[in-house]
C-alpha cells in the first residue's frame, strides 16, 4: 500500500528538522502520540526513518538494510511491478539487469514468459534465475562479488558492460528524492548502473513506494534519464510533476 498523507508529512518534518519528537509530531498533526508511534513504526519498517528515544530521525544514508530483510519486504508489490515490466519487454530483446531485490523478481517474471532474451547482468541471483530458461543467453559480468547480496562490481565490471549496446536497461534504486535525484549506497554499484544506462536504448526504473523519499549517500543520476518508471503507487506530487515535465512514462502496478 502507498503511504498516507500523514506519513508524507512526518517525513517532510523530519527532513526539515533532522529530528522530531513524538509529542511535537502529535501536536502538529492533531493526532494522539499513540498514532504517531504506529506511523513511525511503519516508516521504520520501510527503512525510511530510524526511531530514537522520544522521536524519530532519517534512516541511515550510509548503510543499506540487510539483503534478506529487503528481499522479504513488499513481495506482492515487487511481483506486480515485475509483471508490468515483463509485459513491456518483447521476445528476442537484449537486456542489462542490475543489482537489487526487485530486479531479481523481474528475472523470475521474464524467465517464465519470454523466449530468446539476451541478458547481461552483474547480479548472481538474476543470472541463476535467467539461466533456467534454455532459450536465454545469459552473460554475467566479471568483477568482485559482494558477499552480502551477490552483486558484482569493480573496474572489470565496467569494462565488461561497456562492450555492449542493448535494447533495455532494467535498473533498481535505493532512494528517490523529491527533486528527482536517484540515490544508492555503494559508489561502485552506482558506476556500473550508470554504465548500463549509457549503453541502453531504453531505460526502465523499477522502484516500489518505499523508495520515495528514502535517504542514501551516492547519487546515481536523475529521474529524467529514464524512459519509464514502474512502481506500485502514485509518487509524491513533486516527483509526479517531474515525471510529467521530463516525459518519463509512469506505470503503476497497483494491486
C-alpha atoms as a PDB file:
ATOM      1  CA  UNK A   1       0.000   0.000   0.000  1.00  0.00           C
ATOM      2  CA  UNK A   2       1.121   3.582  -0.599  1.00  0.00           C
ATOM      3  CA  UNK A   3       1.957   5.898   2.264  1.00  0.00           C
ATOM      4  CA  UNK A   4      -0.726   8.061   3.789  1.00  0.00           C
ATOM      5  CA  UNK A   5      -0.573  11.885   3.568  1.00  0.00           C
ATOM      6  CA  UNK A   6       0.240  11.896   7.284  1.00  0.00           C
ATOM      7  CA  UNK A   7       3.250   9.648   6.680  1.00  0.00           C
ATOM      8  CA  UNK A   8       4.455  12.022   3.968  1.00  0.00           C
ATOM      9  CA  UNK A   9       4.048  14.969   6.342  1.00  0.00           C
ATOM     10  CA  UNK A  10       6.019  13.164   9.059  1.00  0.00           C
ATOM     11  CA  UNK A  11       8.855  12.513   6.603  1.00  0.00           C
ATOM     12  CA  UNK A  12       8.801  16.143   5.465  1.00  0.00           C
ATOM     13  CA  UNK A  13       9.039  17.421   9.046  1.00  0.00           C
ATOM     14  CA  UNK A  14      11.882  15.045   9.905  1.00  0.00           C
ATOM     15  CA  UNK A  15      13.822  16.073   6.777  1.00  0.00           C
ATOM     16  CA  UNK A  16      13.372  19.762   7.628  1.00  0.00           C
ATOM     17  CA  UNK A  17      14.334  19.415  11.299  1.00  0.00           C
ATOM     18  CA  UNK A  18      16.661  16.429  11.419  1.00  0.00           C
ATOM     19  CA  UNK A  19      14.877  15.005  14.493  1.00  0.00           C
ATOM     20  CA  UNK A  20      11.226  15.301  15.531  1.00  0.00           C
ATOM     21  CA  UNK A  21       9.863  14.393  18.978  1.00  0.00           C
ATOM     22  CA  UNK A  22       6.734  12.241  19.070  1.00  0.00           C
ATOM     23  CA  UNK A  23       4.819  14.786  21.135  1.00  0.00           C
ATOM     24  CA  UNK A  24       5.632  17.577  18.684  1.00  0.00           C
ATOM     25  CA  UNK A  25       4.531  15.494  15.712  1.00  0.00           C
ATOM     26  CA  UNK A  26       1.284  14.645  17.505  1.00  0.00           C
ATOM     27  CA  UNK A  27       0.626  18.337  18.173  1.00  0.00           C
ATOM     28  CA  UNK A  28       1.353  19.469  14.611  1.00  0.00           C
ATOM     29  CA  UNK A  29      -0.683  16.688  13.011  1.00  0.00           C
ATOM     30  CA  UNK A  30      -3.525  16.821  15.567  1.00  0.00           C
ATOM     31  CA  UNK A  31      -3.432  13.126  16.419  1.00  0.00           C
ATOM     32  CA  UNK A  32      -2.512  11.135  19.520  1.00  0.00           C
ATOM     33  CA  UNK A  33       1.085  10.167  20.381  1.00  0.00           C
ATOM     34  CA  UNK A  34      -0.005   6.525  20.030  1.00  0.00           C
ATOM     35  CA  UNK A  35      -0.971   7.188  16.407  1.00  0.00           C
ATOM     36  CA  UNK A  36       2.392   8.831  15.731  1.00  0.00           C
ATOM     37  CA  UNK A  37       4.207   5.866  17.284  1.00  0.00           C
ATOM     38  CA  UNK A  38       2.357   3.495  14.936  1.00  0.00           C
ATOM     39  CA  UNK A  39       3.192   5.750  11.980  1.00  0.00           C
ATOM     40  CA  UNK A  40       6.870   5.853  12.955  1.00  0.00           C
ATOM     41  CA  UNK A  41       6.963   2.080  13.368  1.00  0.00           C
ATOM     42  CA  UNK A  42       5.600   1.644   9.835  1.00  0.00           C
ATOM     43  CA  UNK A  43       8.075   4.144   8.383  1.00  0.00           C
ATOM     44  CA  UNK A  44      10.908   2.382  10.224  1.00  0.00           C
ATOM     45  CA  UNK A  45       9.777  -0.948   8.737  1.00  0.00           C
ATOM     46  CA  UNK A  46      10.014   0.680   5.301  1.00  0.00           C
ATOM     47  CA  UNK A  47      13.548   1.824   6.254  1.00  0.00           C
ATOM     48  CA  UNK A  48      12.604   5.481   5.805  1.00  0.00           C
ATOM     49  CA  UNK A  49      13.090   6.547   9.437  1.00  0.00           C
ATOM     50  CA  UNK A  50      15.030   5.437  12.466  1.00  0.00           C
ATOM     51  CA  UNK A  51      13.358   5.501  15.838  1.00  0.00           C
ATOM     52  CA  UNK A  52      15.158   7.049  18.788  1.00  0.00           C
ATOM     53  CA  UNK A  53      14.085   7.665  22.366  1.00  0.00           C
ATOM     54  CA  UNK A  54      11.202  10.116  22.213  1.00  0.00           C
ATOM     55  CA  UNK A  55      11.175  10.652  18.464  1.00  0.00           C
ATOM     56  CA  UNK A  56      12.492   9.808  15.017  1.00  0.00           C
ATOM     57  CA  UNK A  57      15.197  10.836  12.537  1.00  0.00           C
ATOM     58  CA  UNK A  58      16.021   9.918   8.961  1.00  0.00           C
ATOM     59  CA  UNK A  59      17.232   6.427   8.161  1.00  0.00           C
ATOM     60  CA  UNK A  60      20.937   5.936   7.587  1.00  0.00           C
ATOM     61  CA  UNK A  61      22.332   7.402   4.370  1.00  0.00           C
ATOM     62  CA  UNK A  62      25.479   5.277   4.529  1.00  0.00           C
ATOM     63  CA  UNK A  63      24.279   1.752   5.317  1.00  0.00           C
ATOM     64  CA  UNK A  64      21.655  -0.231   3.431  1.00  0.00           C
ATOM     65  CA  UNK A  65      19.283  -2.646   5.075  1.00  0.00           C
ATOM     66  CA  UNK A  66      20.281  -6.316   5.226  1.00  0.00           C
ATOM     67  CA  UNK A  67      19.760  -8.127   1.899  1.00  0.00           C
ATOM     68  CA  UNK A  68      17.440 -10.806   3.310  1.00  0.00           C
ATOM     69  CA  UNK A  69      15.334  -8.201   5.114  1.00  0.00           C
ATOM     70  CA  UNK A  70      14.952  -6.275   1.850  1.00  0.00           C
ATOM     71  CA  UNK A  71      14.156  -9.440  -0.056  1.00  0.00           C
ATOM     72  CA  UNK A  72      11.325 -10.287   2.320  1.00  0.00           C
ATOM     73  CA  UNK A  73       9.627  -6.882   2.161  1.00  0.00           C
ATOM     74  CA  UNK A  74       6.838  -5.806  -0.197  1.00  0.00           C
ATOM     75  CA  UNK A  75       6.883  -9.076  -2.082  1.00  0.00           C
ATOM     76  CA  UNK A  76       3.423  -8.609  -3.608  1.00  0.00           C
ATOM     77  CA  UNK A  77       4.255  -5.074  -4.714  1.00  0.00           C
ATOM     78  CA  UNK A  78       7.508  -6.208  -6.310  1.00  0.00           C
ATOM     79  CA  UNK A  79       5.693  -9.028  -8.097  1.00  0.00           C
ATOM     80  CA  UNK A  80       3.158  -6.573  -9.579  1.00  0.00           C
ATOM     81  CA  UNK A  81       5.979  -4.291 -10.746  1.00  0.00           C
ATOM     82  CA  UNK A  82       7.827  -7.248 -12.243  1.00  0.00           C
ATOM     83  CA  UNK A  83       4.755  -8.396 -14.169  1.00  0.00           C
ATOM     84  CA  UNK A  84       4.304  -4.929 -15.691  1.00  0.00           C
ATOM     85  CA  UNK A  85       7.958  -4.754 -16.740  1.00  0.00           C
ATOM     86  CA  UNK A  86       7.848  -8.255 -18.222  1.00  0.00           C
ATOM     87  CA  UNK A  87       4.750  -7.306 -20.213  1.00  0.00           C
ATOM     88  CA  UNK A  88       6.652  -4.387 -21.771  1.00  0.00           C
ATOM     89  CA  UNK A  89       9.704  -6.397 -22.884  1.00  0.00           C
ATOM     90  CA  UNK A  90       9.410  -8.156 -26.268  1.00  0.00           C
ATOM     91  CA  UNK A  91      10.836 -11.563 -27.016  1.00  0.00           C
ATOM     92  CA  UNK A  92      14.309 -11.673 -28.580  1.00  0.00           C
ATOM     93  CA  UNK A  93      15.401  -8.445 -26.839  1.00  0.00           C
ATOM     94  CA  UNK A  94      18.767  -7.680 -25.229  1.00  0.00           C
ATOM     95  CA  UNK A  95      18.822  -6.528 -21.600  1.00  0.00           C
ATOM     96  CA  UNK A  96      21.018  -5.159 -18.853  1.00  0.00           C
ATOM     97  CA  UNK A  97      19.712  -6.192 -15.418  1.00  0.00           C
ATOM     98  CA  UNK A  98      21.234  -4.651 -12.299  1.00  0.00           C
ATOM     99  CA  UNK A  99      21.670  -5.494  -8.641  1.00  0.00           C
ATOM    100  CA  UNK A 100      18.526  -5.343  -6.461  1.00  0.00           C
ATOM    101  CA  UNK A 101      15.802  -7.493  -4.963  1.00  0.00           C
ATOM    102  CA  UNK A 102      13.137  -6.029  -7.253  1.00  0.00           C
ATOM    103  CA  UNK A 103      15.266  -6.823 -10.305  1.00  0.00           C
ATOM    104  CA  UNK A 104      15.519 -10.411  -9.082  1.00  0.00           C
ATOM    105  CA  UNK A 105      11.709 -10.632  -9.112  1.00  0.00           C
ATOM    106  CA  UNK A 106      11.688  -9.174 -12.637  1.00  0.00           C
ATOM    107  CA  UNK A 107      14.016 -12.013 -13.638  1.00  0.00           C
ATOM    108  CA  UNK A 108      11.515 -14.538 -12.285  1.00  0.00           C
ATOM    109  CA  UNK A 109       8.721 -12.951 -14.310  1.00  0.00           C
ATOM    110  CA  UNK A 110      10.746 -12.888 -17.520  1.00  0.00           C
ATOM    111  CA  UNK A 111      12.054 -16.446 -17.288  1.00  0.00           C
ATOM    112  CA  UNK A 112       8.511 -17.784 -17.094  1.00  0.00           C
ATOM    113  CA  UNK A 113       7.060 -15.847 -20.024  1.00  0.00           C
ATOM    114  CA  UNK A 114       9.699 -14.959 -22.613  1.00  0.00           C
ATOM    115  CA  UNK A 115      11.907 -16.537 -25.245  1.00  0.00           C
ATOM    116  CA  UNK A 116      15.084 -15.572 -26.995  1.00  0.00           C
ATOM    117  CA  UNK A 117      16.285 -12.977 -24.474  1.00  0.00           C
ATOM    118  CA  UNK A 118      19.953 -11.983 -24.294  1.00  0.00           C
ATOM    119  CA  UNK A 119      20.702 -10.909 -20.721  1.00  0.00           C
ATOM    120  CA  UNK A 120      23.794  -9.183 -19.303  1.00  0.00           C
ATOM    121  CA  UNK A 121      23.817  -8.843 -15.518  1.00  0.00           C
ATOM    122  CA  UNK A 122      26.078  -8.134 -12.554  1.00  0.00           C
ATOM    123  CA  UNK A 123      23.653  -9.924 -10.223  1.00  0.00           C
ATOM    124  CA  UNK A 124      24.444 -13.564  -9.435  1.00  0.00           C
ATOM    125  CA  UNK A 125      20.832 -14.261  -8.418  1.00  0.00           C
ATOM    126  CA  UNK A 126      19.478 -12.843 -11.687  1.00  0.00           C
ATOM    127  CA  UNK A 127      21.965 -14.916 -13.689  1.00  0.00           C
ATOM    128  CA  UNK A 128      20.980 -18.080 -11.834  1.00  0.00           C
ATOM    129  CA  UNK A 129      17.264 -17.444 -12.371  1.00  0.00           C
ATOM    130  CA  UNK A 130      17.525 -16.480 -16.041  1.00  0.00           C
ATOM    131  CA  UNK A 131      19.788 -19.397 -16.960  1.00  0.00           C
ATOM    132  CA  UNK A 132      16.953 -21.786 -16.056  1.00  0.00           C
ATOM    133  CA  UNK A 133      15.377 -20.875 -19.410  1.00  0.00           C
ATOM    134  CA  UNK A 134      17.372 -22.786 -22.075  1.00  0.00           C
ATOM    135  CA  UNK A 135      16.230 -20.301 -24.728  1.00  0.00           C
ATOM    136  CA  UNK A 136      18.021 -17.411 -22.979  1.00  0.00           C
ATOM    137  CA  UNK A 137      21.638 -16.392 -23.497  1.00  0.00           C
ATOM    138  CA  UNK A 138      22.885 -15.117 -20.123  1.00  0.00           C
ATOM    139  CA  UNK A 139      26.185 -13.288 -19.663  1.00  0.00           C
ATOM    140  CA  UNK A 140      27.432 -12.493 -16.167  1.00  0.00           C
ATOM    141  CA  UNK A 141      29.955  -9.695 -15.758  1.00  0.00           C
ATOM    142  CA  UNK A 142      33.456 -10.088 -14.444  1.00  0.00           C
ATOM    143  CA  UNK A 143      34.392  -8.246 -11.277  1.00  0.00           C
ATOM    144  CA  UNK A 144      34.351  -8.608  -7.497  1.00  0.00           C
ATOM    145  CA  UNK A 145      31.395 -10.491  -5.972  1.00  0.00           C
ATOM    146  CA  UNK A 146      29.803  -8.752  -2.982  1.00  0.00           C
ATOM    147  CA  UNK A 147      29.188 -11.409  -0.343  1.00  0.00           C
ATOM    148  CA  UNK A 148      26.189  -9.638   1.185  1.00  0.00           C
ATOM    149  CA  UNK A 149      23.912  -9.860  -1.867  1.00  0.00           C
ATOM    150  CA  UNK A 150      25.677 -11.482  -4.821  1.00  0.00           C
ATOM    151  CA  UNK A 151      26.225  -8.185  -6.631  1.00  0.00           C
ATOM    152  CA  UNK A 152      29.306  -7.816  -8.858  1.00  0.00           C
ATOM    153  CA  UNK A 153      31.155  -4.502  -9.111  1.00  0.00           C
ATOM    154  CA  UNK A 154      34.557  -3.037  -9.930  1.00  0.00           C
ATOM    155  CA  UNK A 155      36.643  -1.822 -12.843  1.00  0.00           C
ATOM    156  CA  UNK A 156      36.402  -5.164 -14.625  1.00  0.00           C
ATOM    157  CA  UNK A 157      32.605  -4.942 -14.382  1.00  0.00           C
ATOM    158  CA  UNK A 158      32.609  -1.537 -16.049  1.00  0.00           C
ATOM    159  CA  UNK A 159      34.902  -2.740 -18.830  1.00  0.00           C
ATOM    160  CA  UNK A 160      32.583  -5.672 -19.472  1.00  0.00           C
ATOM    161  CA  UNK A 161      29.411  -3.559 -19.583  1.00  0.00           C
ATOM    162  CA  UNK A 162      30.960  -1.015 -21.923  1.00  0.00           C
ATOM    163  CA  UNK A 163      31.454  -3.664 -24.599  1.00  0.00           C
ATOM    164  CA  UNK A 164      27.703  -3.806 -25.280  1.00  0.00           C
ATOM    165  CA  UNK A 165      24.808  -1.733 -26.555  1.00  0.00           C
ATOM    166  CA  UNK A 166      21.476  -3.268 -25.541  1.00  0.00           C
ATOM    167  CA  UNK A 167      17.788  -2.650 -26.104  1.00  0.00           C
ATOM    168  CA  UNK A 168      16.743  -2.251 -22.457  1.00  0.00           C
ATOM    169  CA  UNK A 169      18.383  -1.490 -19.109  1.00  0.00           C
ATOM    170  CA  UNK A 170      16.239  -2.571 -16.152  1.00  0.00           C
ATOM    171  CA  UNK A 171      17.558  -0.936 -13.008  1.00  0.00           C
ATOM    172  CA  UNK A 172      16.595  -0.574  -9.374  1.00  0.00           C
ATOM    173  CA  UNK A 173      17.420   2.210  -6.928  1.00  0.00           C
ATOM    174  CA  UNK A 174      17.657   2.632  -3.153  1.00  0.00           C
ATOM    175  CA  UNK A 175      16.059   6.068  -2.853  1.00  0.00           C
ATOM    176  CA  UNK A 176      14.360   8.785  -4.899  1.00  0.00           C
ATOM    177  CA  UNK A 177      14.294  12.357  -3.604  1.00  0.00           C
ATOM    178  CA  UNK A 178      11.561  14.846  -4.412  1.00  0.00           C
ATOM    179  CA  UNK A 179      13.921  16.729  -6.754  1.00  0.00           C
ATOM    180  CA  UNK A 180      14.289  13.585  -8.879  1.00  0.00           C
ATOM    181  CA  UNK A 181      17.712  12.544  -7.571  1.00  0.00           C
ATOM    182  CA  UNK A 182      18.266   8.778  -7.695  1.00  0.00           C
ATOM    183  CA  UNK A 183      20.333   7.532  -4.759  1.00  0.00           C
ATOM    184  CA  UNK A 184      22.180   4.403  -3.711  1.00  0.00           C
ATOM    185  CA  UNK A 185      24.668   3.282  -1.060  1.00  0.00           C
ATOM    186  CA  UNK A 186      27.669   1.883  -2.952  1.00  0.00           C
ATOM    187  CA  UNK A 187      29.535   4.124  -5.402  1.00  0.00           C
ATOM    188  CA  UNK A 188      30.921   1.056  -7.199  1.00  0.00           C
ATOM    189  CA  UNK A 189      27.418  -0.265  -7.797  1.00  0.00           C
ATOM    190  CA  UNK A 190      26.336   3.186  -8.959  1.00  0.00           C
ATOM    191  CA  UNK A 191      29.132   3.359 -11.548  1.00  0.00           C
ATOM    192  CA  UNK A 192      28.002   0.059 -13.016  1.00  0.00           C
ATOM    193  CA  UNK A 193      24.386   1.249 -13.130  1.00  0.00           C
ATOM    194  CA  UNK A 194      25.481   4.441 -14.889  1.00  0.00           C
ATOM    195  CA  UNK A 195      27.371   2.395 -17.484  1.00  0.00           C
ATOM    196  CA  UNK A 196      24.240   0.320 -18.107  1.00  0.00           C
ATOM    197  CA  UNK A 197      22.206   3.494 -18.548  1.00  0.00           C
ATOM    198  CA  UNK A 198      24.743   4.921 -21.004  1.00  0.00           C
ATOM    199  CA  UNK A 199      24.727   1.759 -23.128  1.00  0.00           C
ATOM    200  CA  UNK A 200      20.972   1.101 -23.380  1.00  0.00           C
ATOM    201  CA  UNK A 201      18.452   2.386 -25.911  1.00  0.00           C
ATOM    202  CA  UNK A 202      15.590   2.255 -23.408  1.00  0.00           C
ATOM    203  CA  UNK A 203      15.971   2.713 -19.650  1.00  0.00           C
ATOM    204  CA  UNK A 204      13.433   1.273 -17.198  1.00  0.00           C
ATOM    205  CA  UNK A 205      13.429   2.121 -13.477  1.00  0.00           C
ATOM    206  CA  UNK A 206      11.796  -0.322 -11.047  1.00  0.00           C
ATOM    207  CA  UNK A 207      11.019   1.238  -7.659  1.00  0.00           C
ATOM    208  CA  UNK A 208       8.350   0.349  -5.097  1.00  0.00           C
ATOM    209  CA  UNK A 209       6.773   3.093  -2.983  1.00  0.00           C
ATOM    210  CA  UNK A 210       9.215   2.640  -0.073  1.00  0.00           C
ATOM    211  CA  UNK A 211      11.926   4.243  -2.236  1.00  0.00           C
ATOM    212  CA  UNK A 212      10.112   7.602  -2.383  1.00  0.00           C
ATOM    213  CA  UNK A 213      11.955   9.977  -0.080  1.00  0.00           C
ATOM    214  CA  UNK A 214      14.403   7.348   1.158  1.00  0.00           C
ATOM    215  CA  UNK A 215      17.842   8.567   2.169  1.00  0.00           C
ATOM    216  CA  UNK A 216      21.103   7.282   0.632  1.00  0.00           C
ATOM    217  CA  UNK A 217      24.596   8.675   0.136  1.00  0.00           C
ATOM    218  CA  UNK A 218      25.558   8.216  -3.533  1.00  0.00           C
ATOM    219  CA  UNK A 219      23.910   9.945  -6.475  1.00  0.00           C
ATOM    220  CA  UNK A 220      23.152   7.532  -9.322  1.00  0.00           C
ATOM    221  CA  UNK A 221      21.515  10.050 -11.630  1.00  0.00           C
ATOM    222  CA  UNK A 222      18.204  11.834 -12.188  1.00  0.00           C
ATOM    223  CA  UNK A 223      14.746  10.501 -12.899  1.00  0.00           C
ATOM    224  CA  UNK A 224      14.759  12.398 -16.223  1.00  0.00           C
ATOM    225  CA  UNK A 225      17.401   9.969 -17.548  1.00  0.00           C
ATOM    226  CA  UNK A 226      14.844   7.149 -17.646  1.00  0.00           C
ATOM    227  CA  UNK A 227      12.145   6.499 -20.223  1.00  0.00           C
ATOM    228  CA  UNK A 228       9.713   4.630 -17.956  1.00  0.00           C
ATOM    229  CA  UNK A 229       9.288   4.328 -14.191  1.00  0.00           C
ATOM    230  CA  UNK A 230       7.457   1.280 -12.849  1.00  0.00           C
ATOM    231  CA  UNK A 231       6.093   1.480  -9.318  1.00  0.00           C
ATOM    232  CA  UNK A 232       3.201   0.238  -7.191  1.00  0.00           C
ATOM    233  CA  UNK A 233       1.697   3.562  -6.062  1.00  0.00           C
ATOM    234  CA  UNK A 234       1.491   7.180  -7.168  1.00  0.00           C
ATOM    235  CA  UNK A 235       4.677   9.100  -6.313  1.00  0.00           C
ATOM    236  CA  UNK A 236       4.549  12.278  -4.206  1.00  0.00           C
ATOM    237  CA  UNK A 237       3.275  15.338  -6.054  1.00  0.00           C
ATOM    238  CA  UNK A 238       6.689  16.937  -6.629  1.00  0.00           C
ATOM    239  CA  UNK A 239       8.062  13.765  -8.173  1.00  0.00           C
ATOM    240  CA  UNK A 240       4.936  13.209 -10.266  1.00  0.00           C
ATOM    241  CA  UNK A 241       5.334  16.705 -11.710  1.00  0.00           C
ATOM    242  CA  UNK A 242       8.963  15.993 -12.596  1.00  0.00           C
ATOM    243  CA  UNK A 243       7.972  12.828 -14.413  1.00  0.00           C
ATOM    244  CA  UNK A 244       5.469  14.814 -16.478  1.00  0.00           C
ATOM    245  CA  UNK A 245       7.930  17.639 -17.177  1.00  0.00           C
ATOM    246  CA  UNK A 246      10.596  15.246 -18.457  1.00  0.00           C
ATOM    247  CA  UNK A 247       8.190  12.958 -20.348  1.00  0.00           C
ATOM    248  CA  UNK A 248       9.026   9.953 -18.191  1.00  0.00           C
ATOM    249  CA  UNK A 249       6.149   7.489 -18.535  1.00  0.00           C
ATOM    250  CA  UNK A 250       4.736   6.367 -15.209  1.00  0.00           C
ATOM    251  CA  UNK A 251       3.402   2.812 -14.978  1.00  0.00           C
ATOM    252  CA  UNK A 252       1.694   1.967 -11.696  1.00  0.00           C
ATOM    253  CA  UNK A 253       1.257  -1.733 -10.977  1.00  0.00           C
ATOM    254  CA  UNK A 254      -1.270  -1.413  -8.195  1.00  0.00           C
ATOM    255  CA  UNK A 255      -2.847  -4.476  -6.621  1.00  0.00           C
END
